[in-house]
Structure formats: structure tokens, C-alpha cells
Amino acid sequence: MRFSTRWLPEKDRLDIWREEFGRRLVHLDFEPLDDMPLLYDTTFLNLGNAVIAKGEISAISCSRTRLMLNDGNSDIVLLIRDDEEMYAEQGKLAQSIAVGEGLVRRSDEAGRTLLRPGKFLTLNLPVEHLTERVADIDRLGMAVIPGGTEALGLLAGYCRMMMALQDGGSAAARSVMNKHVLDLASLAIGANRDAWLVAQDRGVRAARRLAAICAIRKNAHRPDFRIAELAREFKVSESYLRKLFAEVSQTFSSLLLEARLVMAREKLLDQRFDTLHISQIAFDCGFSDVSYFNRTFYRRFEMTPTDARKR
């Protein structure tokens, strides 16, 4: 689901945003913090238990008032910002949260968060599913997760990559993603011993594998890209990466070839590249042998590069 204040009539924008979306749908009291044009543009992905939200905002205040606590929502909310700091209040506690840090709050406690303009990532996590994973969760109120921790980085990266899928995949895929998100969130917040062991073998491996695949796609145009460079980037061994890929019946070479072929097909189908020779497109996508490119392209898509361009 996506909600954007850009869709609302300007004269009613503030009232609809506050009443219909804020208080009735997400049970938050929103207030703009300056006179700049109001912006709240957010996409939500429901994985079953965990809900991921990613978007862009103007300067706003988000509050859970005492009256709102009657809705029975006890979710754990984890908010991450990469571009601006945050400021949070809860009771007598007040805390500034630096860029790259994570803010953890409970929805069954009143509080307020002040946000500057920019992009954000939020997770709503059901407390009952974190109770068995996080040590002393009943004592958790408002907390800050330090920036630079591997668990927080893996969690944020995994969520952003899930959001990039747009449709979230099948119900079965979302169920698997849900487990991975809960694994990584529990590690970031403070997993107990049993949950830590499970997360290392499940959520962490999935997040690292997906991040590695994205890195392969990003660097696929480079003919000199090798698994050794990928291992150095992720600070793991080459054998560790090979095992990660083998778990999904892939290899570094097969993933690299697939990324290059998909990149080439996209360019062949794009009229902006009509003036480029097919051989030039092959070279630009990381291939060094045009004959090999033609063979593998036909084997993958059951058409020649020339046929793809005609389409």
C-alpha cells in the first residue's frame, strides 16, 4: 500500500492527512513542524507479522497520545534514518538519534518523535513475536541502536531490497521474508542466545546473500569483477560466499552471467540504445566475447539479440 499527501487536494491536505490517515489508519497524531509544503509519501509492505514502511517526509512530529493507547497496539517500532538526525521524547526521557542509528519504541507507551525532512525506513514488529527472541523485552521502552552495527546494517539493507521488489512476491516468499526480518530485528535490538543462533543460520545468511547478489548486479558491467573482490567488500571468505550461493543452487559465475544477460536484454529492448551496435552493448554489459554473448543470450531467452532488439 502507498499513501501520499501529493494525491490530496491542497486545501484539505493537512486535515485528511492528520485525521483519516494519521489518527484512524496508523493511530498516530501528526503535526507539521514548519511552514514548508507538507509531504508524507510512504509505501507499506505487509509481510504477515512485520510491516515495513519506506518513504519521504517534510518536517513532522509523530505522537502516540495516551488516548491512542486504548487501541491495544503494542507493536515494537524501529525507525532508521540515513540522512537526518531524529529527536524522541517519552515521559521524562529525551534522546537525540544520530544519522545511521536506530530508534526503538513501544506502541503501548505514549511518546513523540520529531523528524526533519528526508527519507526514512520504519518497521512495525509484533511484540508477541519478539518476546521469544529478545532478552528482557518487557523492560524495553525507548532505546537507541548504535550506528555501524552489522545487525542494523543488514536489517536496513534487507528491508530496502524487499521494498524494491514492489509487489513483495508470493505469500510463501513474504512468509520467509517475515522470518528473516524478525531474525535481523531481534539481533539489532538484542537477541537471546537461542534466537541469536537461529538468526545467524537464517536471517543473517539470507541478508548477506541478497546483499551479495545486489552487489553482483551492480558490478556486472565490469569484465574484471571477481568473487575475491566481492569477498573483500563483505569481509568474508570466498568459500563462505560460495556456500551462500549454493544454498539457492547458484554460483558466483551463474549469478554474474544472469545479471549481464538481463542488463543486455534491457538495453536491447530500450529504444534509447538503438544506435549502439549489439557488440557494443555486449561489451558494455561485461562480456568480452561476442560469440559467447550470442550463445548464452539465445540459451537464456530463446531468441537472438537481434530478435530481442526487433521486439
Protein backbone atom coordinates (compact mmCIF):
# COMPACT_ATOMS: atom_id res chain seq x y z
CA MET A 1 0.00 0.00 0.00
CA ARG A 2 1.14 3.51 -0.76
CA PHE A 3 -0.13 6.78 0.69
CA SER A 4 0.96 10.22 -0.49
CA THR A 5 -0.18 13.68 0.50
CA ARG A 6 0.52 14.63 -3.13
CA TRP A 7 -2.76 12.91 -4.00
CA LEU A 8 -4.85 15.10 -1.69
CA PRO A 9 -6.47 18.42 -2.58
CA GLU A 10 -4.26 21.18 -1.25
CA LYS A 11 -6.94 22.96 0.78
CA ASP A 12 -7.85 19.73 2.67
CA ARG A 13 -4.42 18.09 2.66
CA LEU A 14 -3.47 18.72 6.27
CA ASP A 15 -6.85 17.70 7.72
CA ILE A 16 -7.14 14.49 5.69
CA TRP A 17 -3.55 13.52 6.46
CA ARG A 18 -3.99 14.04 10.18
CA GLU A 19 -7.50 12.66 10.65
CA GLU A 20 -8.04 9.93 8.06
CA PHE A 21 -4.52 8.63 7.64
CA GLY A 22 -2.84 9.51 10.93
CA ARG A 23 -5.43 9.06 13.65
CA ARG A 24 -7.73 6.49 12.02
CA LEU A 25 -5.37 4.31 9.99
CA VAL A 26 -1.92 4.31 11.62
CA HIS A 27 -3.02 5.64 15.05
CA LEU A 28 -0.50 8.46 15.23
CA ASP A 29 -1.01 12.17 15.79
CA PHE A 30 0.86 14.01 13.02
CA GLU A 31 1.81 17.69 13.07
CA PRO A 32 3.92 19.67 10.59
CA LEU A 33 6.89 21.40 12.21
CA ASP A 34 7.37 24.27 9.76
CA ASP A 35 5.57 26.28 7.08
CA MET A 36 7.09 24.37 4.18
CA PRO A 37 4.76 22.39 1.85
CA LEU A 38 3.50 19.25 3.58
CA LEU A 39 4.94 15.96 2.30
CA TYR A 40 4.27 12.44 3.52
CA ASP A 41 4.83 9.84 0.79
CA THR A 42 5.15 6.31 2.13
CA THR A 43 4.91 2.76 0.80
CA PHE A 44 3.99 -0.08 3.16
CA LEU A 45 4.83 -3.77 2.73
CA ASN A 46 2.96 -6.21 4.96
CA LEU A 47 4.90 -9.46 5.37
CA GLY A 48 2.32 -11.09 7.62
CA ASN A 49 3.59 -10.07 11.06
CA ALA A 50 6.23 -7.46 10.30
CA VAL A 51 5.31 -4.35 8.31
CA ILE A 52 7.97 -2.32 6.52
CA ALA A 53 7.40 1.32 5.59
CA LYS A 54 9.72 3.40 3.44
CA GLY A 55 9.18 6.94 2.31
CA GLU A 56 9.92 10.64 2.26
CA ILE A 57 8.61 13.35 4.57
CA SER A 58 8.72 17.05 5.32
CA ALA A 59 9.49 18.14 8.89
CA ILE A 60 6.85 16.47 11.07
CA SER A 61 6.05 15.35 14.60
CA CYS A 62 4.68 11.82 15.18
CA SER A 63 3.00 11.20 18.53
CA ARG A 64 1.26 8.37 20.35
CA THR A 65 -1.02 10.13 22.82
CA ARG A 66 -2.36 8.47 25.96
CA LEU A 67 -5.83 8.39 24.43
CA MET A 68 -4.48 6.43 21.45
CA LEU A 69 -3.09 3.71 23.71
CA ASN A 70 -6.63 2.35 24.07
CA ASP A 71 -6.37 0.78 20.61
CA GLY A 72 -4.42 -2.14 22.11
CA ASN A 73 -1.48 -1.80 19.71
CA SER A 74 1.71 -2.98 21.44
CA ASP A 75 3.97 -3.24 18.37
CA ILE A 76 7.66 -2.55 18.63
CA VAL A 77 8.53 0.25 16.17
CA LEU A 78 12.06 0.58 14.79
CA LEU A 79 12.83 3.80 12.88
CA ILE A 80 16.02 4.31 10.83
CA ARG A 81 17.20 7.44 9.05
CA ASP A 82 20.27 7.72 6.86
CA ASP A 83 20.11 11.42 6.04
CA GLU A 84 18.94 13.36 9.12
CA GLU A 85 19.04 13.02 12.89
CA MET A 86 15.89 12.50 14.99
CA TYR A 87 14.70 13.63 18.39
CA ALA A 88 12.48 11.46 20.58
CA GLU A 89 10.61 12.04 23.83
CA GLN A 90 8.98 9.52 26.13
CA GLY A 91 7.87 10.56 29.59
CA LYS A 92 10.80 12.32 31.18
CA LEU A 93 13.25 10.78 28.72
CA ALA A 94 14.54 12.77 25.73
CA GLN A 95 17.08 11.49 23.22
CA SER A 96 18.74 12.68 20.03
CA ILE A 97 19.31 9.94 17.47
CA ALA A 98 22.18 10.49 15.05
CA VAL A 99 22.21 9.62 11.36
CA GLY A 100 22.58 5.87 10.88
CA GLU A 101 21.31 4.98 14.34
CA GLY A 102 18.03 3.20 15.02
CA LEU A 103 15.26 4.33 17.36
CA VAL A 104 13.23 1.61 19.07
CA ARG A 105 9.88 2.44 20.66
CA ARG A 106 6.88 0.58 22.04
CA SER A 107 3.44 1.48 20.73
CA ASP A 108 1.82 0.86 24.13
CA GLU A 109 3.67 3.81 25.66
CA ALA A 110 2.98 7.48 24.93
CA GLY A 111 5.74 9.46 23.25
CA ARG A 112 6.71 11.79 20.44
CA THR A 113 9.31 11.69 17.65
CA LEU A 114 10.44 14.79 15.76
CA LEU A 115 11.69 14.26 12.22
CA ARG A 116 13.48 16.59 9.83
CA PRO A 117 12.77 16.48 6.07
CA GLY A 118 14.19 13.48 4.26
CA LYS A 119 13.82 9.73 3.76
CA PHE A 120 13.05 7.14 6.41
CA LEU A 121 12.61 3.42 6.99
CA THR A 122 10.27 2.07 9.66
CA LEU A 123 9.47 -1.43 10.89
CA ASN A 124 6.39 -2.37 12.91
CA LEU A 125 7.13 -5.61 14.72
CA PRO A 126 4.53 -7.54 16.79
CA VAL A 127 5.73 -7.72 20.37
CA GLU A 128 4.44 -11.29 20.80
CA HIS A 129 6.77 -12.49 18.04
CA LEU A 130 9.76 -10.68 19.51
CA THR A 131 9.14 -11.82 23.11
CA GLU A 132 10.62 -15.25 22.36
CA ARG A 133 13.57 -13.71 20.55
CA VAL A 134 14.63 -10.62 22.52
CA ALA A 135 16.04 -10.72 26.04
CA ASP A 136 14.03 -8.73 28.64
CA ILE A 137 11.66 -7.28 26.06
CA ASP A 138 9.19 -6.28 28.78
CA ARG A 139 11.78 -3.79 30.04
CA LEU A 140 12.21 -2.28 26.60
CA GLY A 141 10.85 1.26 26.35
CA MET A 142 12.67 3.78 24.20
CA ALA A 143 16.13 2.70 23.09
CA VAL A 144 18.77 3.67 20.56
CA ILE A 145 20.65 1.14 18.41
CA PRO A 146 24.16 2.42 17.65
CA GLY A 147 25.01 3.08 14.04
CA GLY A 148 27.58 0.91 12.33
CA THR A 149 26.43 -2.35 13.93
CA GLU A 150 26.29 -5.23 11.47
CA ALA A 151 22.82 -6.35 12.54
CA LEU A 152 21.27 -2.91 11.99
CA GLY A 153 23.02 -2.55 8.64
CA LEU A 154 21.86 -5.99 7.47
CA LEU A 155 18.31 -5.27 8.65
CA ALA A 156 18.10 -1.90 6.88
CA GLY A 157 19.66 -3.25 3.69
CA TYR A 158 17.41 -6.32 3.63
CA CYS A 159 14.26 -4.23 4.15
CA ARG A 160 15.18 -1.79 1.38
CA MET A 161 15.82 -4.65 -1.01
CA MET A 162 12.45 -6.20 -0.09
CA MET A 163 10.75 -2.89 -0.78
CA ALA A 164 12.46 -2.75 -4.17
CA LEU A 165 10.52 -5.88 -5.18
CA GLN A 166 7.43 -3.61 -5.13
CA ASP A 167 4.86 -6.41 -5.03
CA GLY A 168 6.57 -8.32 -2.21
CA GLY A 169 6.47 -11.62 -4.09
CA SER A 170 4.20 -14.58 -3.31
CA ALA A 171 2.58 -15.28 0.05
CA ALA A 172 5.16 -18.01 0.66
CA ALA A 173 8.01 -15.62 -0.16
CA ARG A 174 6.61 -12.97 2.19
CA SER A 175 6.39 -15.57 4.97
CA VAL A 176 10.10 -16.34 4.55
CA MET A 177 10.94 -12.60 4.44
CA ASN A 178 8.92 -12.11 7.62
CA LYS A 179 11.07 -14.63 9.48
CA HIS A 180 14.25 -13.02 8.17
CA VAL A 181 13.12 -9.54 9.24
CA LEU A 182 12.22 -10.77 12.74
CA ASP A 183 15.60 -12.55 12.97
CA LEU A 184 17.54 -9.43 12.00
CA ALA A 185 15.43 -7.10 14.15
CA SER A 186 15.94 -9.28 17.22
CA LEU A 187 19.70 -9.23 16.61
CA ALA A 188 19.68 -5.44 16.29
CA ILE A 189 17.58 -4.95 19.43
CA GLY A 190 19.27 -7.65 21.50
CA ALA A 191 18.53 -11.31 20.79
CA ASN A 192 18.65 -14.01 23.43
CA ARG A 193 21.05 -16.91 22.94
CA ASP A 194 18.67 -19.28 21.13
CA ALA A 195 17.34 -16.57 18.83
CA TRP A 196 20.90 -15.41 18.10
CA LEU A 197 21.87 -18.90 16.94
CA VAL A 198 18.77 -19.24 14.74
CA ALA A 199 19.25 -15.78 13.24
CA GLN A 200 22.88 -16.43 12.35
CA ASP A 201 21.85 -19.51 10.40
CA ARG A 202 18.75 -18.00 8.80
CA GLY A 203 18.16 -14.24 8.67
CA VAL A 204 21.82 -13.19 8.60
CA ARG A 205 22.72 -15.62 5.83
CA ALA A 206 19.70 -14.55 3.76
CA ALA A 207 20.51 -10.85 4.17
CA ARG A 208 24.16 -11.35 3.29
CA ARG A 209 23.27 -13.45 0.26
CA LEU A 210 20.78 -10.89 -1.04
CA ALA A 211 23.25 -8.06 -0.47
CA ALA A 212 25.93 -10.03 -2.32
CA ILE A 213 23.58 -10.69 -5.25
CA CYS A 214 22.75 -6.99 -5.44
CA ALA A 215 26.48 -6.19 -5.45
CA ILE A 216 26.97 -8.65 -8.32
CA ARG A 217 24.22 -6.93 -10.31
CA LYS A 218 25.74 -3.54 -9.58
CA ASN A 219 29.19 -4.58 -10.80
CA ALA A 220 28.14 -6.94 -13.60
CA HIS A 221 29.16 -4.45 -16.30
CA ARG A 222 32.79 -4.79 -15.23
CA PRO A 223 34.58 -7.60 -17.11
CA ASP A 224 37.23 -7.80 -14.36
CA PHE A 225 34.77 -8.29 -11.47
CA ARG A 226 35.72 -11.38 -9.44
CA ILE A 227 34.46 -13.20 -6.36
CA ALA A 228 37.63 -12.22 -4.49
CA GLU A 229 36.65 -8.56 -4.72
CA LEU A 230 33.13 -9.37 -3.51
CA ALA A 231 34.53 -11.28 -0.53
CA ARG A 232 36.76 -8.34 0.42
CA GLU A 233 33.82 -5.94 0.21
CA PHE A 234 31.72 -8.06 2.59
CA LYS A 235 34.69 -9.04 4.79
CA VAL A 236 34.03 -12.76 4.40
CA SER A 237 35.88 -15.61 2.73
CA GLU A 238 35.29 -16.73 -0.84
CA SER A 239 34.24 -20.18 0.41
CA TYR A 240 31.59 -18.55 2.65
CA LEU A 241 30.10 -16.77 -0.37
CA ARG A 242 30.15 -19.96 -2.43
CA LYS A 243 28.21 -21.76 0.31
CA LEU A 244 25.66 -18.92 0.49
CA PHE A 245 25.06 -19.13 -3.26
CA ALA A 246 24.98 -22.95 -3.24
CA GLU A 247 22.09 -22.82 -0.74
CA VAL A 248 19.93 -21.39 -3.54
CA SER A 249 21.52 -23.63 -6.21
CA GLN A 250 23.62 -20.82 -7.69
CA THR A 251 27.26 -19.96 -8.15
CA PHE A 252 29.05 -16.64 -8.44
CA SER A 253 29.56 -17.26 -12.15
CA SER A 254 25.92 -18.13 -12.81
CA LEU A 255 24.68 -15.06 -10.94
CA LEU A 256 27.16 -12.82 -12.76
CA LEU A 257 26.17 -14.23 -16.15
CA GLU A 258 22.46 -13.82 -15.39
CA ALA A 259 22.97 -10.20 -14.31
CA ARG A 260 24.88 -9.43 -17.52
CA LEU A 261 22.29 -11.10 -19.74
CA VAL A 262 19.38 -9.29 -18.09
CA MET A 263 21.24 -6.00 -18.39
CA ALA A 264 21.89 -6.64 -22.10
CA ARG A 265 18.27 -7.58 -22.78
CA GLU A 266 17.01 -4.41 -21.09
CA LYS A 267 19.27 -2.30 -23.30
CA LEU A 268 18.24 -4.17 -26.44
CA LEU A 269 14.58 -3.52 -25.64
CA ASP A 270 15.21 0.16 -24.89
CA GLN A 271 14.94 2.50 -27.88
CA ARG A 272 17.44 4.86 -26.31
CA PHE A 273 20.17 2.37 -27.21
CA ASP A 274 19.06 1.72 -30.81
CA THR A 275 22.13 3.50 -32.22
CA LEU A 276 24.54 1.16 -30.40
CA HIS A 277 25.83 -1.93 -32.15
CA ILE A 278 24.87 -5.17 -30.44
CA SER A 279 28.55 -5.92 -29.92
CA GLN A 280 28.96 -2.61 -28.08
CA ILE A 281 26.03 -3.45 -25.81
CA ALA A 282 27.64 -6.82 -25.08
CA PHE A 283 30.93 -5.14 -24.14
CA ASP A 284 29.12 -2.52 -22.03
CA CYS A 285 27.42 -5.34 -20.09
CA GLY A 286 30.67 -7.04 -19.15
CA PHE A 287 31.08 -9.55 -21.98
CA SER A 288 34.46 -9.79 -23.68
CA ASP A 289 33.46 -12.33 -26.36
CA VAL A 290 30.54 -11.51 -28.69
CA SER A 291 30.12 -15.12 -29.85
CA TYR A 292 29.81 -16.28 -26.24
CA PHE A 293 27.33 -13.49 -25.59
CA ASN A 294 25.17 -14.54 -28.56
CA ARG A 295 25.15 -18.21 -27.50
CA THR A 296 24.32 -17.57 -23.86
CA PHE A 297 21.70 -14.95 -24.74
CA TYR A 298 19.86 -17.39 -27.02
CA ARG A 299 20.09 -20.18 -24.46
CA ARG A 300 18.66 -17.91 -21.73
CA PHE A 301 15.88 -16.10 -23.64
CA GLU A 302 15.27 -18.42 -26.63
CA MET A 303 15.85 -15.57 -29.06
CA THR A 304 18.86 -13.91 -30.60
CA PRO A 305 19.97 -10.41 -29.51
CA THR A 306 18.79 -9.18 -32.94
CA ASP A 307 15.31 -10.64 -32.35
CA ALA A 308 15.20 -9.00 -28.93
CA ARG A 309 16.01 -5.62 -30.45
CA LYS A 310 13.25 -6.04 -33.06
CA ARG A 311 10.76 -6.61 -30.26
